[in-house]
Amino acid sequence: MLSAEITSKYELVVGLEVHAQLLTKSKIFATDTTEFGKMPNTQISVITLGHPGTLPKVNSRVVEYAMKMGLACGCEITRHNVFARKNYFYPDLPKGFQTTQDKNPICVGGFVPITLPDGTEKSIALTRIHMEEDAGKSIHLAEEPDTLVDFNRAGVPLIEIVSEPDIRSSEEAYAYLVEIKKLVRYLEICDGNMEEGSMRCDANVSVRLRGAKEYGKKVEVKNMNSFRNVARAIEHEFERQVELVEAGKEIVSETRTFDANTGTTASMRTKEDLNDYRYFPEPDLSPVVISEEWLESVKASMPPLPRELYHKFVDKYGLPGYDAGVLTDSKEIAMYFEELCHHTSSFKAASNWVMGPVKSYLNEHNEHISDFPISAQSLAELIDMIDAGKVSFSA
């Protein structure tokens, strides 16, 4: 364990790459279903497997979902989109290449605002958001020498959200992932579940002396299946890299895997060993041109976003930041509270009711707010009766 005196000399620099699996009913270039949990290799077709003579076709819903995420993050939307082939060999990549976006991602720039536990606000800049297809899944059974491959996931649509190296602590990384999860859930484009793999994260981590302008050599960390494990991996990697620098050793630019049991990372491959992906434009797909009308229709379909509702709840309804944070954690809870405020002016009492008895009831009965038996209007009438002294809170 390094002393605070040593670690304080260094600055942590992190950029995150988040893959979000989109909630479309069919794959990005084929009509195969994307339903989770089906028998292996039952949701495939000649297009998914890349058989000769087959032609892919872009799922327009994927483009709309990518646009929604870009608009939510304040990105510039690219109007002329070309797909590319990223060539590499891996057993669960049936075509021998991945169809993705290379030089012209659908979303450029933008940012994700975060709030830290101490109330500090910061914006994490984005480099890009692009569309691509997922690979299949390799399955390694215990004590079996062979690897089994399930192609059901191959061709499932993804967006990859790439941040600038703006993150300076594991707490900021955690807050950023929480905000990304909120956004994709509010937009209803991904369920944001890291444990099930529908949201995945790779971290690019480096260190440098405080005040230095140049970035250090970055290490990519993979295989993290929860927000907490991303934070743990970043903390471990910071200590490991500082120890190397302090010992006068060189940091190797490499890909490392995270072991959740030990809280440590281990080398997978050096960057020098990586394939040259030989990107080139996908010849079987026409460019996707986003018209002004299409973009405006997507803008018109955008829901209220968590950050907008947070500030509304604080500024208009006078709630403490803590209340606003809890209420906007879920879109459905936030909208129930918003409707409640249309029927009563006792905003703090309404907040206490939703955060207390209502959420307790939902947790105890394992129910969704949409199944809650009391309408917002009825609850508002009850709150007003308590305010008027007609009935006690406990009764």
Protein backbone atom coordinates (compact mmCIF):
# COMPACT_ATOMS: atom_id res chain seq x y z
CA MET A 1 0.00 0.00 0.00
CA LEU A 2 1.51 3.31 -1.09
CA SER A 3 1.58 6.27 1.26
CA ALA A 4 -0.65 9.29 0.67
CA GLU A 5 2.52 11.38 0.31
CA ILE A 6 3.57 9.35 -2.75
CA THR A 7 0.13 8.98 -4.39
CA SER A 8 -0.59 12.70 -3.99
CA LYS A 9 2.30 13.44 -6.38
CA TYR A 10 0.42 11.71 -9.22
CA GLU A 11 -2.76 12.35 -11.13
CA LEU A 12 -5.06 9.59 -12.38
CA VAL A 13 -6.27 9.91 -15.98
CA VAL A 14 -9.17 7.71 -17.15
CA GLY A 15 -11.26 7.44 -20.30
CA LEU A 16 -14.17 4.98 -20.47
CA GLU A 17 -15.59 3.03 -23.41
CA VAL A 18 -19.15 1.92 -22.69
CA HIS A 19 -21.00 -0.57 -24.91
CA ALA A 20 -24.78 -0.41 -24.55
CA GLN A 21 -26.86 -3.23 -26.07
CA LEU A 22 -29.92 -1.66 -27.70
CA LEU A 23 -33.48 -2.79 -26.90
CA THR A 24 -34.54 -3.54 -30.47
CA LYS A 25 -36.62 -6.61 -31.28
CA SER A 26 -34.34 -7.59 -34.17
CA LYS A 27 -30.62 -7.41 -34.92
CA ILE A 28 -28.81 -4.47 -36.49
CA PHE A 29 -28.47 -5.97 -40.00
CA ALA A 30 -30.86 -8.97 -39.96
CA THR A 31 -34.39 -9.87 -38.84
CA ASP A 32 -33.20 -12.45 -36.26
CA THR A 33 -34.79 -11.86 -32.85
CA THR A 34 -32.66 -10.41 -30.05
CA GLU A 35 -34.56 -12.08 -27.18
CA PHE A 36 -32.28 -12.87 -24.23
CA GLY A 37 -31.82 -16.34 -22.74
CA LYS A 38 -32.87 -18.57 -25.65
CA MET A 39 -31.19 -21.90 -26.50
CA PRO A 40 -27.74 -21.42 -28.10
CA ASN A 41 -27.63 -20.88 -31.86
CA THR A 42 -31.40 -20.66 -32.32
CA GLN A 43 -31.49 -16.94 -33.21
CA ILE A 44 -29.22 -16.91 -36.23
CA SER A 45 -29.58 -16.65 -39.99
CA VAL A 46 -27.41 -16.73 -43.09
CA ILE A 47 -27.03 -12.94 -42.81
CA THR A 48 -25.83 -13.09 -39.17
CA LEU A 49 -23.38 -15.84 -40.11
CA GLY A 50 -22.15 -13.90 -43.14
CA HIS A 51 -22.83 -16.57 -45.78
CA PRO A 52 -21.65 -15.67 -49.30
CA GLY A 53 -24.24 -13.84 -51.38
CA THR A 54 -26.22 -12.48 -48.42
CA LEU A 55 -26.86 -8.76 -48.03
CA PRO A 56 -27.30 -6.97 -44.70
CA LYS A 57 -29.82 -4.14 -44.25
CA VAL A 58 -29.64 -1.46 -41.54
CA ASN A 59 -32.30 -1.55 -38.80
CA SER A 60 -33.63 2.05 -38.75
CA ARG A 61 -34.61 1.76 -35.07
CA VAL A 62 -30.90 1.35 -34.21
CA VAL A 63 -30.13 4.65 -35.96
CA GLU A 64 -32.96 6.37 -34.05
CA TYR A 65 -31.75 5.02 -30.69
CA ALA A 66 -28.19 6.20 -31.43
CA MET A 67 -29.54 9.64 -32.36
CA LYS A 68 -31.51 9.79 -29.09
CA MET A 69 -28.39 9.11 -27.03
CA GLY A 70 -26.46 11.70 -29.03
CA LEU A 71 -29.17 14.33 -28.54
CA ALA A 72 -29.32 13.55 -24.80
CA CYS A 73 -25.55 14.15 -24.57
CA GLY A 74 -25.50 17.30 -26.70
CA CYS A 75 -23.56 15.65 -29.54
CA GLU A 76 -23.40 16.78 -33.15
CA ILE A 77 -25.38 14.28 -35.26
CA THR A 78 -23.60 13.10 -38.40
CA ARG A 79 -25.97 13.26 -41.38
CA HIS A 80 -24.05 10.97 -43.78
CA ASN A 81 -23.19 7.68 -42.06
CA VAL A 82 -20.96 5.00 -43.58
CA PHE A 83 -20.36 1.61 -41.97
CA ALA A 84 -16.95 -0.08 -42.01
CA ARG A 85 -15.51 -3.56 -41.63
CA LYS A 86 -13.21 -4.09 -38.65
CA ASN A 87 -11.23 -7.20 -39.50
CA TYR A 88 -9.97 -9.61 -36.88
CA PHE A 89 -10.23 -13.34 -36.27
CA TYR A 90 -11.95 -14.63 -33.16
CA PRO A 91 -14.07 -17.80 -32.83
CA ASP A 92 -17.24 -15.92 -31.82
CA LEU A 93 -17.04 -13.50 -34.76
CA PRO A 94 -18.85 -15.52 -37.46
CA LYS A 95 -18.04 -13.27 -40.44
CA GLY A 96 -14.36 -12.78 -39.60
CA PHE A 97 -15.04 -9.05 -39.27
CA GLN A 98 -17.26 -6.74 -37.23
CA THR A 99 -19.48 -4.19 -38.96
CA THR A 100 -19.00 -0.89 -37.13
CA GLN A 101 -18.39 2.81 -37.76
CA ASP A 102 -14.85 4.06 -38.14
CA LYS A 103 -14.10 7.57 -39.38
CA ASN A 104 -17.58 9.10 -39.25
CA PRO A 105 -19.45 8.06 -36.08
CA ILE A 106 -23.13 9.01 -35.87
CA CYS A 107 -22.52 11.24 -32.81
CA VAL A 108 -19.51 13.53 -32.35
CA GLY A 109 -18.52 15.47 -29.22
CA GLY A 110 -21.01 16.15 -26.47
CA PHE A 111 -20.72 15.55 -22.73
CA VAL A 112 -22.22 13.74 -19.74
CA PRO A 113 -22.78 15.86 -16.59
CA ILE A 114 -22.09 14.09 -13.30
CA THR A 115 -22.68 14.91 -9.62
CA LEU A 116 -20.22 13.57 -7.02
CA PRO A 117 -21.24 12.50 -3.49
CA ASP A 118 -20.05 15.86 -2.07
CA GLY A 119 -22.34 17.75 -4.48
CA THR A 120 -19.57 18.78 -6.90
CA GLU A 121 -20.75 18.91 -10.52
CA LYS A 122 -18.52 18.17 -13.50
CA SER A 123 -18.97 17.50 -17.22
CA ILE A 124 -17.20 14.53 -18.81
CA ALA A 125 -16.57 15.25 -22.49
CA LEU A 126 -17.36 12.59 -25.10
CA THR A 127 -15.24 11.82 -28.15
CA ARG A 128 -17.93 9.94 -30.06
CA ILE A 129 -20.86 7.55 -30.01
CA HIS A 130 -21.00 5.00 -32.82
CA MET A 131 -23.17 2.08 -33.93
CA GLU A 132 -21.88 -1.46 -34.32
CA GLU A 133 -22.84 -5.12 -34.02
CA ASP A 134 -22.06 -7.38 -31.08
CA ALA A 135 -20.02 -10.56 -31.40
CA GLY A 136 -21.17 -14.02 -30.33
CA LYS A 137 -20.27 -15.64 -27.04
CA SER A 138 -17.55 -18.19 -26.26
CA ILE A 139 -18.49 -20.70 -23.55
CA HIS A 140 -15.80 -22.49 -21.55
CA LEU A 141 -17.23 -25.38 -19.52
CA ALA A 142 -15.34 -26.52 -16.41
CA GLU A 143 -12.70 -29.19 -17.10
CA GLU A 144 -13.65 -29.32 -20.81
CA PRO A 145 -10.80 -28.78 -23.31
CA ASP A 146 -13.08 -27.41 -26.05
CA THR A 147 -14.67 -23.98 -26.41
CA LEU A 148 -18.34 -23.83 -27.37
CA VAL A 149 -19.67 -20.89 -29.38
CA ASP A 150 -23.16 -19.37 -29.22
CA PHE A 151 -23.91 -16.98 -32.10
CA ASN A 152 -27.29 -15.76 -30.74
CA ARG A 153 -25.69 -12.49 -29.61
CA ALA A 154 -23.84 -11.95 -32.91
CA GLY A 155 -25.39 -9.02 -34.74
CA VAL A 156 -27.23 -7.64 -31.70
CA PRO A 157 -27.03 -3.83 -32.02
CA LEU A 158 -24.70 -1.79 -29.83
CA ILE A 159 -23.76 1.81 -29.38
CA GLU A 160 -20.27 2.49 -28.09
CA ILE A 161 -19.97 5.65 -25.97
CA VAL A 162 -16.35 6.82 -25.84
CA SER A 163 -15.34 9.49 -23.32
CA GLU A 164 -12.38 11.84 -23.45
CA PRO A 165 -9.70 11.14 -20.77
CA ASP A 166 -11.48 13.57 -18.43
CA ILE A 167 -12.05 11.28 -15.43
CA ARG A 168 -9.71 11.87 -12.47
CA SER A 169 -10.92 9.43 -9.80
CA SER A 170 -12.74 6.14 -9.35
CA GLU A 171 -15.62 8.13 -7.80
CA GLU A 172 -15.97 10.16 -11.01
CA ALA A 173 -15.93 6.95 -13.09
CA TYR A 174 -18.68 5.47 -10.91
CA ALA A 175 -20.81 8.65 -11.14
CA TYR A 176 -20.32 8.73 -14.93
CA LEU A 177 -21.53 5.13 -15.33
CA VAL A 178 -24.54 5.82 -13.09
CA GLU A 179 -25.44 8.79 -15.31
CA ILE A 180 -25.02 6.75 -18.54
CA LYS A 181 -27.26 4.03 -17.09
CA LYS A 182 -29.89 6.63 -16.15
CA LEU A 183 -29.80 8.16 -19.63
CA VAL A 184 -30.20 4.88 -21.55
CA ARG A 185 -33.06 3.86 -19.23
CA TYR A 186 -34.84 7.21 -19.52
CA LEU A 187 -34.50 7.00 -23.31
CA GLU A 188 -35.67 3.33 -23.15
CA ILE A 189 -32.89 2.26 -25.50
CA CYS A 190 -31.04 -0.14 -23.13
CA ASP A 191 -31.76 -1.67 -19.72
CA GLY A 192 -28.28 -0.72 -18.48
CA ASN A 193 -27.69 -4.04 -16.72
CA MET A 194 -23.93 -4.65 -16.42
CA GLU A 195 -24.40 -7.94 -14.58
CA GLU A 196 -26.27 -9.42 -17.59
CA GLY A 197 -23.84 -7.85 -20.06
CA SER A 198 -26.29 -5.45 -21.72
CA MET A 199 -23.97 -2.63 -20.65
CA ARG A 200 -20.22 -3.27 -20.70
CA CYS A 201 -17.30 -1.02 -19.86
CA ASP A 202 -13.58 -0.90 -20.69
CA ALA A 203 -11.34 1.58 -18.85
CA ASN A 204 -8.24 3.27 -20.30
CA VAL A 205 -6.08 4.16 -17.29
CA SER A 206 -2.83 6.13 -17.06
CA VAL A 207 -0.96 8.21 -14.47
CA ARG A 208 1.14 11.36 -14.68
CA LEU A 209 2.81 13.76 -12.27
CA ARG A 210 0.45 16.49 -11.07
CA GLY A 211 0.73 19.53 -13.29
CA ALA A 212 2.15 17.55 -16.23
CA LYS A 213 0.59 18.25 -19.62
CA GLU A 214 1.55 15.01 -21.40
CA TYR A 215 -0.48 11.85 -20.80
CA GLY A 216 1.26 8.73 -19.55
CA LYS A 217 1.14 5.34 -21.29
CA LYS A 218 -2.41 4.02 -21.05
CA VAL A 219 -3.46 0.54 -20.02
CA GLU A 220 -6.84 -0.85 -21.08
CA VAL A 221 -8.71 -2.83 -18.41
CA LYS A 222 -11.49 -5.25 -19.42
CA ASN A 223 -13.78 -7.84 -17.80
CA MET A 224 -15.58 -5.67 -15.23
CA ASN A 225 -19.20 -6.66 -14.59
CA SER A 226 -20.39 -3.95 -12.18
CA PHE A 227 -19.93 -0.23 -11.52
CA ARG A 228 -18.19 -1.06 -8.24
CA ASN A 229 -15.73 -3.36 -10.01
CA VAL A 230 -14.90 -0.63 -12.53
CA ALA A 231 -14.03 1.65 -9.60
CA ARG A 232 -12.00 -1.12 -7.91
CA ALA A 233 -10.07 -1.88 -11.10
CA ILE A 234 -9.22 1.80 -11.60
CA GLU A 235 -8.04 2.15 -7.98
CA HIS A 236 -5.83 -0.95 -8.28
CA GLU A 237 -4.41 0.14 -11.64
CA PHE A 238 -3.56 3.61 -10.26
CA GLU A 239 -1.57 2.07 -7.38
CA ARG A 240 0.13 -0.48 -9.68
CA GLN A 241 1.22 2.16 -12.18
CA VAL A 242 2.44 4.60 -9.50
CA GLU A 243 4.50 1.77 -7.94
CA LEU A 244 6.12 1.08 -11.33
CA VAL A 245 6.95 4.74 -11.93
CA GLU A 246 8.34 5.15 -8.39
CA ALA A 247 10.54 2.07 -8.93
CA GLY A 248 11.85 3.54 -12.20
CA LYS A 249 10.19 0.82 -14.26
CA GLU A 250 8.40 1.27 -17.57
CA ILE A 251 4.61 1.04 -17.87
CA VAL A 252 3.72 -1.33 -20.71
CA SER A 253 0.86 -0.24 -22.97
CA GLU A 254 -1.30 -3.36 -22.79
CA THR A 255 -4.74 -4.86 -22.27
CA ARG A 256 -5.35 -6.25 -18.77
CA THR A 257 -8.18 -8.27 -17.27
CA PHE A 258 -9.72 -7.57 -13.86
CA ASP A 259 -10.18 -10.34 -11.25
CA ALA A 260 -13.11 -9.42 -8.99
CA ASN A 261 -12.07 -12.02 -6.37
CA THR A 262 -8.61 -10.54 -5.77
CA GLY A 263 -9.31 -6.94 -6.86
CA THR A 264 -6.24 -7.05 -9.11
CA THR A 265 -5.51 -6.87 -12.85
CA ALA A 266 -3.44 -9.26 -14.96
CA SER A 267 -1.88 -8.85 -18.41
CA MET A 268 -3.79 -10.29 -21.40
CA ARG A 269 -1.79 -8.92 -24.34
CA THR A 270 0.42 -5.98 -25.19
CA LYS A 271 -0.80 -3.33 -27.60
CA GLU A 272 2.06 -4.25 -29.94
CA ASP A 273 0.56 -7.75 -30.30
CA LEU A 274 -2.83 -6.43 -31.44
CA ASN A 275 -4.06 -6.95 -34.97
CA ASP A 276 -4.16 -4.18 -37.51
CA TYR A 277 -7.95 -4.04 -38.00
CA ARG A 278 -7.61 -2.92 -41.65
CA TYR A 279 -10.79 -0.84 -41.57
CA PHE A 280 -12.44 -0.23 -44.92
CA PRO A 281 -15.95 0.93 -45.93
CA GLU A 282 -18.55 -1.86 -45.82
CA PRO A 283 -19.30 -2.52 -49.53
CA ASP A 284 -22.65 -4.26 -48.89
CA LEU A 285 -24.30 -1.34 -47.04
CA SER A 286 -25.39 1.94 -48.57
CA PRO A 287 -24.65 5.10 -46.56
CA VAL A 288 -27.38 6.02 -44.05
CA VAL A 289 -28.45 9.61 -44.69
CA ILE A 290 -30.28 11.34 -41.82
CA SER A 291 -32.69 13.93 -43.18
CA GLU A 292 -33.73 17.09 -41.33
CA GLU A 293 -37.28 15.66 -41.01
CA TRP A 294 -36.02 12.40 -39.47
CA LEU A 295 -33.80 14.23 -36.98
CA GLU A 296 -36.63 16.60 -35.99
CA SER A 297 -39.03 13.68 -35.45
CA VAL A 298 -36.50 12.00 -33.13
CA LYS A 299 -36.02 15.30 -31.25
CA ALA A 300 -39.80 15.58 -30.84
CA SER A 301 -39.96 12.05 -29.34
CA MET A 302 -37.33 12.75 -26.65
CA PRO A 303 -38.54 12.27 -23.04
CA PRO A 304 -37.58 14.63 -20.20
CA LEU A 305 -34.03 13.77 -19.11
CA PRO A 306 -32.85 13.04 -15.55
CA ARG A 307 -30.68 16.17 -15.29
CA GLU A 308 -33.57 18.41 -16.47
CA LEU A 309 -35.95 16.83 -13.94
CA TYR A 310 -33.34 17.06 -11.16
CA HIS A 311 -32.98 20.83 -11.63
CA LYS A 312 -36.75 21.24 -12.02
CA PHE A 313 -37.39 19.40 -8.75
CA VAL A 314 -34.80 21.55 -6.95
CA ASP A 315 -35.61 24.93 -8.55
CA LYS A 316 -39.37 24.73 -9.10
CA TYR A 317 -40.46 22.41 -6.29
CA GLY A 318 -37.82 23.51 -3.75
CA LEU A 319 -36.62 19.98 -2.95
CA PRO A 320 -33.20 19.26 -1.39
CA GLY A 321 -30.63 17.86 -3.84
CA TYR A 322 -30.78 14.47 -2.08
CA ASP A 323 -34.53 14.15 -2.68
CA ALA A 324 -34.20 15.20 -6.32
CA GLY A 325 -31.42 12.64 -6.83
CA VAL A 326 -33.47 9.77 -5.35
CA LEU A 327 -36.63 10.72 -7.26
CA THR A 328 -34.86 10.99 -10.64
CA ASP A 329 -32.98 7.72 -10.23
CA SER A 330 -35.88 6.01 -12.02
CA LYS A 331 -37.82 7.61 -14.87
CA GLU A 332 -41.12 6.01 -13.80
CA ILE A 333 -40.77 7.21 -10.18
CA ALA A 334 -39.83 10.70 -11.42
CA MET A 335 -42.90 10.86 -13.67
CA TYR A 336 -45.17 9.64 -10.86
CA PHE A 337 -43.80 12.38 -8.59
CA GLU A 338 -44.20 14.95 -11.38
CA GLU A 339 -47.87 14.00 -11.79
CA LEU A 340 -48.30 14.15 -8.00
CA CYS A 341 -47.06 17.75 -8.05
CA HIS A 342 -49.77 18.64 -10.60
CA HIS A 343 -52.39 17.80 -7.95
CA THR A 344 -50.80 19.18 -4.75
CA SER A 345 -48.58 22.10 -3.80
CA SER A 346 -47.10 20.27 -0.77
CA PHE A 347 -44.04 19.28 -2.77
CA LYS A 348 -41.78 18.22 0.14
CA ALA A 349 -44.56 16.11 1.66
CA ALA A 350 -45.11 14.52 -1.76
CA SER A 351 -41.39 13.76 -1.96
CA ASN A 352 -41.42 12.17 1.51
CA TRP A 353 -44.40 10.00 0.56
CA VAL A 354 -42.80 8.75 -2.68
CA MET A 355 -39.36 8.14 -1.15
CA GLY A 356 -40.85 6.54 1.97
CA PRO A 357 -44.14 4.60 1.96
CA VAL A 358 -44.53 4.32 -1.82
CA LYS A 359 -41.01 2.97 -2.51
CA SER A 360 -41.24 0.71 0.58
CA TYR A 361 -44.51 -0.77 -0.73
CA LEU A 362 -42.98 -1.38 -4.17
CA ASN A 363 -39.88 -3.05 -2.66
CA GLU A 364 -41.90 -5.24 -0.27
CA HIS A 365 -44.26 -6.43 -3.01
CA ASN A 366 -41.55 -6.53 -5.71
CA GLU A 367 -43.77 -4.36 -7.91
CA HIS A 368 -43.19 -1.67 -10.52
CA ILE A 369 -44.58 1.83 -10.00
CA SER A 370 -46.94 1.20 -12.95
CA ASP A 371 -48.63 -1.49 -10.79
CA PHE A 372 -48.98 0.78 -7.73
CA PRO A 373 -52.69 0.69 -6.78
CA ILE A 374 -52.98 4.35 -5.70
CA SER A 375 -53.09 7.00 -8.43
CA ALA A 376 -51.06 10.19 -8.12
CA GLN A 377 -54.30 12.19 -7.85
CA SER A 378 -55.60 10.03 -4.95
CA LEU A 379 -52.29 10.30 -3.10
CA ALA A 380 -52.32 14.07 -3.61
CA GLU A 381 -55.82 14.26 -2.06
CA LEU A 382 -54.56 12.26 0.94
CA ILE A 383 -51.59 14.62 1.37
CA ASP A 384 -53.92 17.65 1.29
CA MET A 385 -56.23 16.00 3.89
CA ILE A 386 -53.24 15.49 6.21
CA ASP A 387 -52.15 19.12 5.65
CA ALA A 388 -55.67 20.27 6.53
CA GLY A 389 -55.66 18.21 9.74
CA LYS A 390 -58.56 16.03 8.60
CA VAL A 391 -56.54 12.82 9.02
CA SER A 392 -53.23 12.06 10.73
CA PHE A 393 -50.18 10.78 8.85
CA SER A 394 -50.04 7.56 10.93
CA ALA A 395 -53.73 6.84 10.32
